[in-house]
């Protein structure tokens, strides 16, 4: 009987891990989206002031 209970808890944990992974992926995508959006709103002058150019936005957003 303990084998069945162990397997059941692993299966439930597996589903929980999948859900947690999906939530993590969504949060990461959202952070990237927000970073990209906010940097894109800056003028070229503002980007230059912080040492960036438009070409850096995608790299910075993905590294975030």
N, C-alpha and C. Protein backbone atom coordinates (compact mmCIF):
# COMPACT_ATOMS: atom_id res chain seq x y z
N UNK A 1 0.82 -1.19 0.00
CA UNK A 1 0.00 0.00 0.00
C UNK A 1 0.87 1.26 0.00
N UNK A 2 2.00 1.22 0.66
CA UNK A 2 2.85 2.41 0.72
C UNK A 2 3.42 2.75 -0.66
N UNK A 3 3.62 1.74 -1.51
CA UNK A 3 4.12 1.99 -2.86
C UNK A 3 3.11 2.79 -3.66
N UNK A 4 1.87 2.44 -3.55
CA UNK A 4 0.81 3.17 -4.27
C UNK A 4 0.73 4.60 -3.79
N UNK A 5 0.79 4.81 -2.49
CA UNK A 5 0.74 6.17 -1.96
C UNK A 5 1.96 6.98 -2.39
N UNK A 6 3.12 6.37 -2.42
CA UNK A 6 4.33 7.06 -2.86
C UNK A 6 4.21 7.45 -4.32
N UNK A 7 3.77 6.55 -5.16
CA UNK A 7 3.61 6.85 -6.58
C UNK A 7 2.57 7.94 -6.80
N UNK A 8 1.51 7.90 -6.04
CA UNK A 8 0.47 8.92 -6.18
C UNK A 8 1.03 10.29 -5.80
N UNK A 9 1.80 10.38 -4.74
CA UNK A 9 2.33 11.68 -4.33
C UNK A 9 3.37 12.19 -5.34
N UNK A 10 4.11 11.29 -5.97
CA UNK A 10 5.05 11.70 -7.01
C UNK A 10 4.28 12.24 -8.21
N UNK A 11 3.20 11.56 -8.57
CA UNK A 11 2.39 12.02 -9.71
C UNK A 11 1.80 13.39 -9.43
N UNK A 12 1.27 13.59 -8.24
CA UNK A 12 0.70 14.89 -7.88
C UNK A 12 1.81 15.93 -7.84
N UNK A 13 2.95 15.58 -7.29
CA UNK A 13 4.09 16.50 -7.27
C UNK A 13 4.54 16.86 -8.67
N UNK A 14 4.48 15.90 -9.58
CA UNK A 14 4.85 16.15 -10.96
C UNK A 14 3.95 17.18 -11.61
N UNK A 15 2.66 17.07 -11.38
CA UNK A 15 1.71 18.06 -11.91
C UNK A 15 1.98 19.42 -11.28
N UNK A 16 2.24 19.42 -10.00
CA UNK A 16 2.56 20.68 -9.31
C UNK A 16 3.82 21.31 -9.86
N UNK A 17 4.81 20.47 -10.16
CA UNK A 17 6.05 20.99 -10.74
C UNK A 17 5.82 21.57 -12.13
N UNK A 18 4.96 20.93 -12.90
CA UNK A 18 4.64 21.44 -14.24
C UNK A 18 3.95 22.80 -14.13
N UNK A 19 3.00 22.89 -13.23
CA UNK A 19 2.28 24.16 -13.04
C UNK A 19 3.25 25.23 -12.56
N UNK A 20 4.11 24.90 -11.62
CA UNK A 20 5.09 25.86 -11.12
C UNK A 20 6.02 26.31 -12.24
N UNK A 21 6.41 25.39 -13.10
CA UNK A 21 7.29 25.72 -14.22
C UNK A 21 6.57 26.66 -15.21
N UNK A 22 5.32 26.37 -15.49
CA UNK A 22 4.54 27.23 -16.39
C UNK A 22 4.37 28.63 -15.82
N UNK A 23 4.11 28.72 -14.53
CA UNK A 23 3.99 30.02 -13.88
C UNK A 23 5.31 30.77 -13.96
N UNK A 24 6.41 30.06 -13.75
CA UNK A 24 7.74 30.67 -13.84
C UNK A 24 8.02 31.16 -15.25
N UNK A 25 7.67 30.37 -16.26
CA UNK A 25 7.86 30.80 -17.65
C UNK A 25 7.05 32.05 -17.97
N UNK A 26 5.81 32.08 -17.50
CA UNK A 26 4.97 33.25 -17.75
C UNK A 26 5.55 34.49 -17.06
N UNK A 27 6.00 34.34 -15.83
CA UNK A 27 6.59 35.48 -15.10
C UNK A 27 7.83 35.99 -15.81
N UNK A 28 8.65 35.08 -16.31
CA UNK A 28 9.85 35.47 -17.04
C UNK A 28 9.49 36.20 -18.33
N UNK A 29 8.49 35.68 -19.06
CA UNK A 29 8.05 36.35 -20.28
C UNK A 29 7.52 37.74 -19.97
N UNK A 30 6.76 37.86 -18.90
CA UNK A 30 6.18 39.16 -18.52
C UNK A 30 7.28 40.15 -18.17
N UNK A 31 8.29 39.72 -17.41
CA UNK A 31 9.41 40.60 -17.07
C UNK A 31 10.13 41.09 -18.32
N UNK A 32 10.35 40.18 -19.27
CA UNK A 32 11.01 40.54 -20.52
C UNK A 32 10.17 41.55 -21.29
N UNK A 33 8.88 41.31 -21.34
CA UNK A 33 7.96 42.20 -22.06
C UNK A 33 7.96 43.60 -21.43
N UNK A 34 7.86 43.68 -20.13
CA UNK A 34 7.83 44.97 -19.43
C UNK A 34 9.15 45.72 -19.63
N UNK A 35 10.27 45.01 -19.51
CA UNK A 35 11.58 45.65 -19.69
C UNK A 35 11.71 46.19 -21.11
N UNK A 36 11.34 45.38 -22.10
CA UNK A 36 11.41 45.81 -23.49
C UNK A 36 10.52 47.03 -23.72
N UNK A 37 9.32 46.99 -23.20
CA UNK A 37 8.37 48.10 -23.38
C UNK A 37 8.89 49.39 -22.75
N UNK A 38 9.39 49.30 -21.52
CA UNK A 38 9.86 50.49 -20.83
C UNK A 38 11.10 51.08 -21.49
N UNK A 39 12.03 50.24 -21.90
CA UNK A 39 13.22 50.76 -22.58
C UNK A 39 12.86 51.36 -23.94
N UNK A 40 11.88 50.78 -24.61
CA UNK A 40 11.47 51.30 -25.92
C UNK A 40 10.81 52.67 -25.80
N UNK A 41 10.23 52.96 -24.67
CA UNK A 41 9.59 54.26 -24.45
C UNK A 41 10.61 55.40 -24.28
N UNK A 42 11.84 55.05 -23.94
CA UNK A 42 12.86 56.08 -23.74
C UNK A 42 13.29 56.66 -25.07
N UNK A 43 13.65 57.95 -25.05
CA UNK A 43 14.17 58.58 -26.27
C UNK A 43 15.60 58.11 -26.50
N UNK A 44 16.11 58.36 -27.70
CA UNK A 44 17.49 58.00 -28.00
C UNK A 44 18.44 58.72 -27.04
N UNK A 45 18.13 59.95 -26.71
CA UNK A 45 18.96 60.72 -25.78
C UNK A 45 18.97 60.07 -24.38
N UNK A 46 17.80 59.64 -23.91
CA UNK A 46 17.72 59.00 -22.60
C UNK A 46 18.47 57.67 -22.59
N UNK A 47 18.34 56.92 -23.67
CA UNK A 47 19.08 55.66 -23.78
C UNK A 47 20.58 55.93 -23.76
N UNK A 48 21.01 56.94 -24.49
CA UNK A 48 22.43 57.30 -24.51
C UNK A 48 22.92 57.70 -23.13
N UNK A 49 22.08 58.41 -22.38
CA UNK A 49 22.45 58.83 -21.02
C UNK A 49 22.74 57.64 -20.11
N UNK A 50 22.08 56.52 -20.35
CA UNK A 50 22.33 55.34 -19.52
C UNK A 50 23.25 54.33 -20.22
N UNK A 51 23.86 54.77 -21.31
CA UNK A 51 24.86 53.95 -21.99
C UNK A 51 24.31 52.88 -22.89
N UNK A 52 23.09 53.07 -23.39
CA UNK A 52 22.47 52.08 -24.27
C UNK A 52 22.09 52.72 -25.60
N UNK A 53 21.82 51.87 -26.59
CA UNK A 53 21.24 52.32 -27.85
C UNK A 53 20.06 51.40 -28.14
N UNK A 54 19.27 51.75 -29.14
CA UNK A 54 18.08 50.96 -29.47
C UNK A 54 18.42 49.49 -29.72
N UNK A 55 19.58 49.25 -30.32
CA UNK A 55 19.99 47.88 -30.61
C UNK A 55 20.26 47.03 -29.37
N UNK A 56 20.44 47.67 -28.22
CA UNK A 56 20.70 46.96 -26.97
C UNK A 56 19.44 46.48 -26.27
N UNK A 57 18.30 47.04 -26.65
CA UNK A 57 17.06 46.79 -25.90
C UNK A 57 16.72 45.30 -25.84
N UNK A 58 16.75 44.61 -26.95
CA UNK A 58 16.37 43.19 -26.96
C UNK A 58 17.32 42.36 -26.09
N UNK A 59 18.62 42.63 -26.19
CA UNK A 59 19.61 41.89 -25.40
C UNK A 59 19.39 42.14 -23.90
N UNK A 60 19.16 43.37 -23.54
CA UNK A 60 18.93 43.72 -22.13
C UNK A 60 17.65 43.08 -21.63
N UNK A 61 16.60 43.14 -22.43
CA UNK A 61 15.30 42.57 -22.01
C UNK A 61 15.41 41.06 -21.79
N UNK A 62 16.11 40.38 -22.67
CA UNK A 62 16.24 38.92 -22.53
C UNK A 62 17.15 38.52 -21.37
N UNK A 63 18.09 39.38 -21.04
CA UNK A 63 19.00 39.08 -19.92
C UNK A 63 18.35 39.37 -18.57
N UNK A 64 17.26 40.08 -18.59
CA UNK A 64 16.59 40.50 -17.34
C UNK A 64 15.96 39.37 -16.64
